[in-house]
N, C-alpha and C. Protein backbone atom coordinates (compact mmCIF):
# COMPACT_ATOMS: atom_id res chain seq x y z
N MET A 1 0.82 -1.19 0.00
CA MET A 1 0.00 0.00 0.00
C MET A 1 0.87 1.26 0.00
N ILE A 2 1.93 1.24 0.79
CA ILE A 2 2.80 2.41 0.87
C ILE A 2 3.52 2.64 -0.45
N VAL A 3 3.95 1.55 -1.09
CA VAL A 3 4.65 1.68 -2.37
C VAL A 3 3.70 2.22 -3.44
N PHE A 4 2.49 1.69 -3.51
CA PHE A 4 1.51 2.16 -4.49
C PHE A 4 1.17 3.63 -4.25
N GLY A 5 1.00 3.99 -2.99
CA GLY A 5 0.71 5.39 -2.66
C GLY A 5 1.84 6.31 -3.03
N SER A 6 3.07 5.87 -2.81
CA SER A 6 4.23 6.69 -3.16
C SER A 6 4.35 6.87 -4.67
N ILE A 7 4.11 5.80 -5.41
CA ILE A 7 4.16 5.89 -6.88
C ILE A 7 3.08 6.83 -7.38
N ALA A 8 1.87 6.71 -6.83
CA ALA A 8 0.78 7.59 -7.25
C ALA A 8 1.08 9.04 -6.90
N LEU A 9 1.66 9.28 -5.73
CA LEU A 9 1.98 10.64 -5.31
C LEU A 9 3.04 11.27 -6.21
N VAL A 10 4.12 10.55 -6.43
CA VAL A 10 5.20 11.07 -7.28
C VAL A 10 4.71 11.25 -8.72
N GLY A 11 3.97 10.28 -9.22
CA GLY A 11 3.45 10.38 -10.59
C GLY A 11 2.50 11.55 -10.76
N PHE A 12 1.63 11.74 -9.78
CA PHE A 12 0.68 12.84 -9.86
C PHE A 12 1.39 14.18 -9.92
N TRP A 13 2.30 14.42 -8.98
CA TRP A 13 2.96 15.72 -8.94
C TRP A 13 3.92 15.92 -10.11
N TYR A 14 4.54 14.85 -10.60
CA TYR A 14 5.38 14.96 -11.79
C TYR A 14 4.55 15.41 -12.99
N LEU A 15 3.40 14.79 -13.16
CA LEU A 15 2.55 15.14 -14.31
C LEU A 15 1.94 16.53 -14.16
N VAL A 16 1.61 16.94 -12.95
CA VAL A 16 1.09 18.29 -12.75
C VAL A 16 2.14 19.33 -13.13
N VAL A 17 3.37 19.14 -12.67
CA VAL A 17 4.44 20.09 -12.99
C VAL A 17 4.73 20.08 -14.48
N ARG A 18 4.77 18.90 -15.08
CA ARG A 18 5.03 18.79 -16.52
C ARG A 18 3.94 19.48 -17.33
N LEU A 19 2.69 19.24 -16.96
CA LEU A 19 1.58 19.86 -17.68
C LEU A 19 1.57 21.36 -17.46
N TRP A 20 1.97 21.82 -16.29
CA TRP A 20 2.03 23.26 -16.01
C TRP A 20 3.05 23.92 -16.93
N PHE A 21 4.22 23.32 -17.09
CA PHE A 21 5.26 23.92 -17.92
C PHE A 21 4.91 23.90 -19.40
N PHE A 22 4.24 22.84 -19.86
CA PHE A 22 3.97 22.72 -21.29
C PHE A 22 2.61 23.24 -21.70
N GLY A 23 1.65 23.33 -20.76
CA GLY A 23 0.31 23.72 -21.17
C GLY A 23 -0.29 24.90 -20.44
N GLY A 24 0.42 25.47 -19.51
CA GLY A 24 -0.13 26.58 -18.74
C GLY A 24 -0.78 26.09 -17.46
N PRO A 25 -1.24 27.02 -16.64
CA PRO A 25 -1.69 26.65 -15.29
C PRO A 25 -3.15 26.22 -15.15
N LYS A 26 -3.98 26.33 -16.18
CA LYS A 26 -5.41 26.10 -15.99
C LYS A 26 -5.73 24.66 -15.57
N VAL A 27 -5.32 23.70 -16.36
CA VAL A 27 -5.64 22.30 -16.06
C VAL A 27 -4.93 21.81 -14.80
N PRO A 28 -3.64 22.10 -14.61
CA PRO A 28 -2.99 21.64 -13.37
C PRO A 28 -3.62 22.22 -12.10
N LEU A 29 -4.08 23.46 -12.14
CA LEU A 29 -4.73 24.03 -10.96
C LEU A 29 -6.02 23.30 -10.62
N LEU A 30 -6.74 22.85 -11.64
CA LEU A 30 -7.95 22.06 -11.41
C LEU A 30 -7.60 20.76 -10.69
N PHE A 31 -6.56 20.08 -11.16
CA PHE A 31 -6.18 18.81 -10.55
C PHE A 31 -5.59 19.01 -9.15
N ILE A 32 -4.86 20.10 -8.94
CA ILE A 32 -4.35 20.39 -7.60
C ILE A 32 -5.52 20.65 -6.65
N GLY A 33 -6.54 21.37 -7.13
CA GLY A 33 -7.73 21.60 -6.31
C GLY A 33 -8.44 20.31 -5.96
N LEU A 34 -8.57 19.40 -6.92
CA LEU A 34 -9.20 18.11 -6.64
C LEU A 34 -8.38 17.29 -5.65
N TRP A 35 -7.05 17.36 -5.77
CA TRP A 35 -6.18 16.64 -4.84
C TRP A 35 -6.34 17.18 -3.42
N VAL A 36 -6.38 18.50 -3.29
CA VAL A 36 -6.55 19.11 -1.97
C VAL A 36 -7.91 18.76 -1.38
N LEU A 37 -8.96 18.78 -2.21
CA LEU A 37 -10.29 18.39 -1.72
C LEU A 37 -10.30 16.94 -1.24
N ALA A 38 -9.64 16.06 -1.98
CA ALA A 38 -9.58 14.65 -1.56
C ALA A 38 -8.80 14.52 -0.25
N PHE A 39 -7.72 15.27 -0.12
CA PHE A 39 -6.91 15.22 1.10
C PHE A 39 -7.70 15.71 2.30
N VAL A 40 -8.46 16.78 2.13
CA VAL A 40 -9.27 17.32 3.22
C VAL A 40 -10.44 16.38 3.53
N ALA A 41 -11.04 15.80 2.50
CA ALA A 41 -12.18 14.90 2.72
C ALA A 41 -11.77 13.67 3.50
N VAL A 42 -10.58 13.15 3.25
CA VAL A 42 -10.13 11.97 3.98
C VAL A 42 -10.02 12.28 5.47
N GLY A 43 -9.47 13.44 5.80
CA GLY A 43 -9.34 13.81 7.21
C GLY A 43 -10.66 14.18 7.85
N THR A 44 -11.52 14.84 7.10
CA THR A 44 -12.79 15.30 7.65
C THR A 44 -13.78 14.16 7.82
N TRP A 45 -13.89 13.31 6.82
CA TRP A 45 -14.88 12.23 6.86
C TRP A 45 -14.31 10.93 7.39
N GLU A 46 -13.03 10.93 7.78
CA GLU A 46 -12.36 9.75 8.32
C GLU A 46 -12.51 8.55 7.40
N LEU A 47 -12.21 8.76 6.13
CA LEU A 47 -12.37 7.69 5.13
C LEU A 47 -11.21 6.71 5.13
N GLY A 48 -10.03 7.14 5.51
CA GLY A 48 -8.89 6.24 5.52
C GLY A 48 -7.97 6.51 4.34
N GLY A 49 -6.76 6.02 4.47
CA GLY A 49 -5.75 6.25 3.45
C GLY A 49 -6.01 5.54 2.14
N HIS A 50 -6.70 4.40 2.19
CA HIS A 50 -6.97 3.65 0.96
C HIS A 50 -7.81 4.47 -0.02
N VAL A 51 -8.78 5.18 0.50
CA VAL A 51 -9.64 6.00 -0.35
C VAL A 51 -8.84 7.12 -0.98
N PHE A 52 -7.97 7.76 -0.20
CA PHE A 52 -7.16 8.85 -0.73
C PHE A 52 -6.20 8.36 -1.80
N VAL A 53 -5.57 7.22 -1.57
CA VAL A 53 -4.64 6.67 -2.57
C VAL A 53 -5.40 6.30 -3.84
N GLY A 54 -6.61 5.79 -3.70
CA GLY A 54 -7.41 5.48 -4.88
C GLY A 54 -7.77 6.72 -5.67
N ILE A 55 -8.18 7.78 -4.97
CA ILE A 55 -8.49 9.04 -5.64
C ILE A 55 -7.25 9.60 -6.31
N GLU A 56 -6.12 9.53 -5.61
CA GLU A 56 -4.86 10.03 -6.16
C GLU A 56 -4.45 9.25 -7.40
N ALA A 57 -4.66 7.94 -7.39
CA ALA A 57 -4.33 7.12 -8.55
C ALA A 57 -5.21 7.47 -9.75
N VAL A 58 -6.50 7.69 -9.49
CA VAL A 58 -7.40 8.08 -10.58
C VAL A 58 -7.00 9.43 -11.16
N LEU A 59 -6.65 10.38 -10.31
CA LEU A 59 -6.20 11.69 -10.80
C LEU A 59 -4.91 11.56 -11.60
N ALA A 60 -3.98 10.73 -11.13
CA ALA A 60 -2.72 10.54 -11.85
C ALA A 60 -2.97 9.89 -13.21
N LEU A 61 -3.85 8.90 -13.26
CA LEU A 61 -4.14 8.26 -14.55
C LEU A 61 -4.83 9.21 -15.51
N SER A 62 -5.72 10.05 -15.01
CA SER A 62 -6.37 11.02 -15.90
C SER A 62 -5.37 12.06 -16.38
N LEU A 63 -4.39 12.41 -15.55
CA LEU A 63 -3.33 13.32 -16.01
C LEU A 63 -2.46 12.67 -17.08
N ILE A 64 -2.22 11.36 -16.95
CA ILE A 64 -1.46 10.65 -17.98
C ILE A 64 -2.19 10.73 -19.31
N VAL A 65 -3.49 10.56 -19.29
CA VAL A 65 -4.28 10.64 -20.52
C VAL A 65 -4.20 12.05 -21.11
N ILE A 66 -4.34 13.07 -20.27
CA ILE A 66 -4.28 14.45 -20.76
C ILE A 66 -2.91 14.77 -21.30
N CYS A 67 -1.86 14.38 -20.59
CA CYS A 67 -0.49 14.65 -21.07
C CYS A 67 -0.21 13.89 -22.36
N GLY A 68 -0.76 12.70 -22.49
CA GLY A 68 -0.55 11.91 -23.70
C GLY A 68 -1.17 12.57 -24.92
N PHE A 69 -2.29 13.26 -24.74
CA PHE A 69 -2.91 13.94 -25.86
C PHE A 69 -2.18 15.23 -26.22
N ARG A 70 -1.60 15.89 -25.23
CA ARG A 70 -0.93 17.16 -25.50
C ARG A 70 0.48 16.96 -26.03
N GLU A 71 1.21 16.06 -25.40
CA GLU A 71 2.60 15.84 -25.77
C GLU A 71 3.00 14.44 -25.31
N PRO A 72 3.73 13.72 -26.13
CA PRO A 72 4.10 12.36 -25.72
C PRO A 72 4.96 12.35 -24.47
N LEU A 73 4.71 11.36 -23.60
CA LEU A 73 5.49 11.22 -22.38
C LEU A 73 6.82 10.67 -22.77
């Protein structure tokens, strides 16, 4: 679980920074906002780390799709 969470975390932030540099701040700010909402929701609703890692993985995968359409990884 820790390894998967670390991979999702590093992948998410790598893609956000990459998309910010190549595409401007609009889309990355949306994903950063969703990440912060998920982080706050886990603490507020006591959902647990598994839910947050799942949300983070979905956000990272959607960023991979967006980056793939804009510029090859």
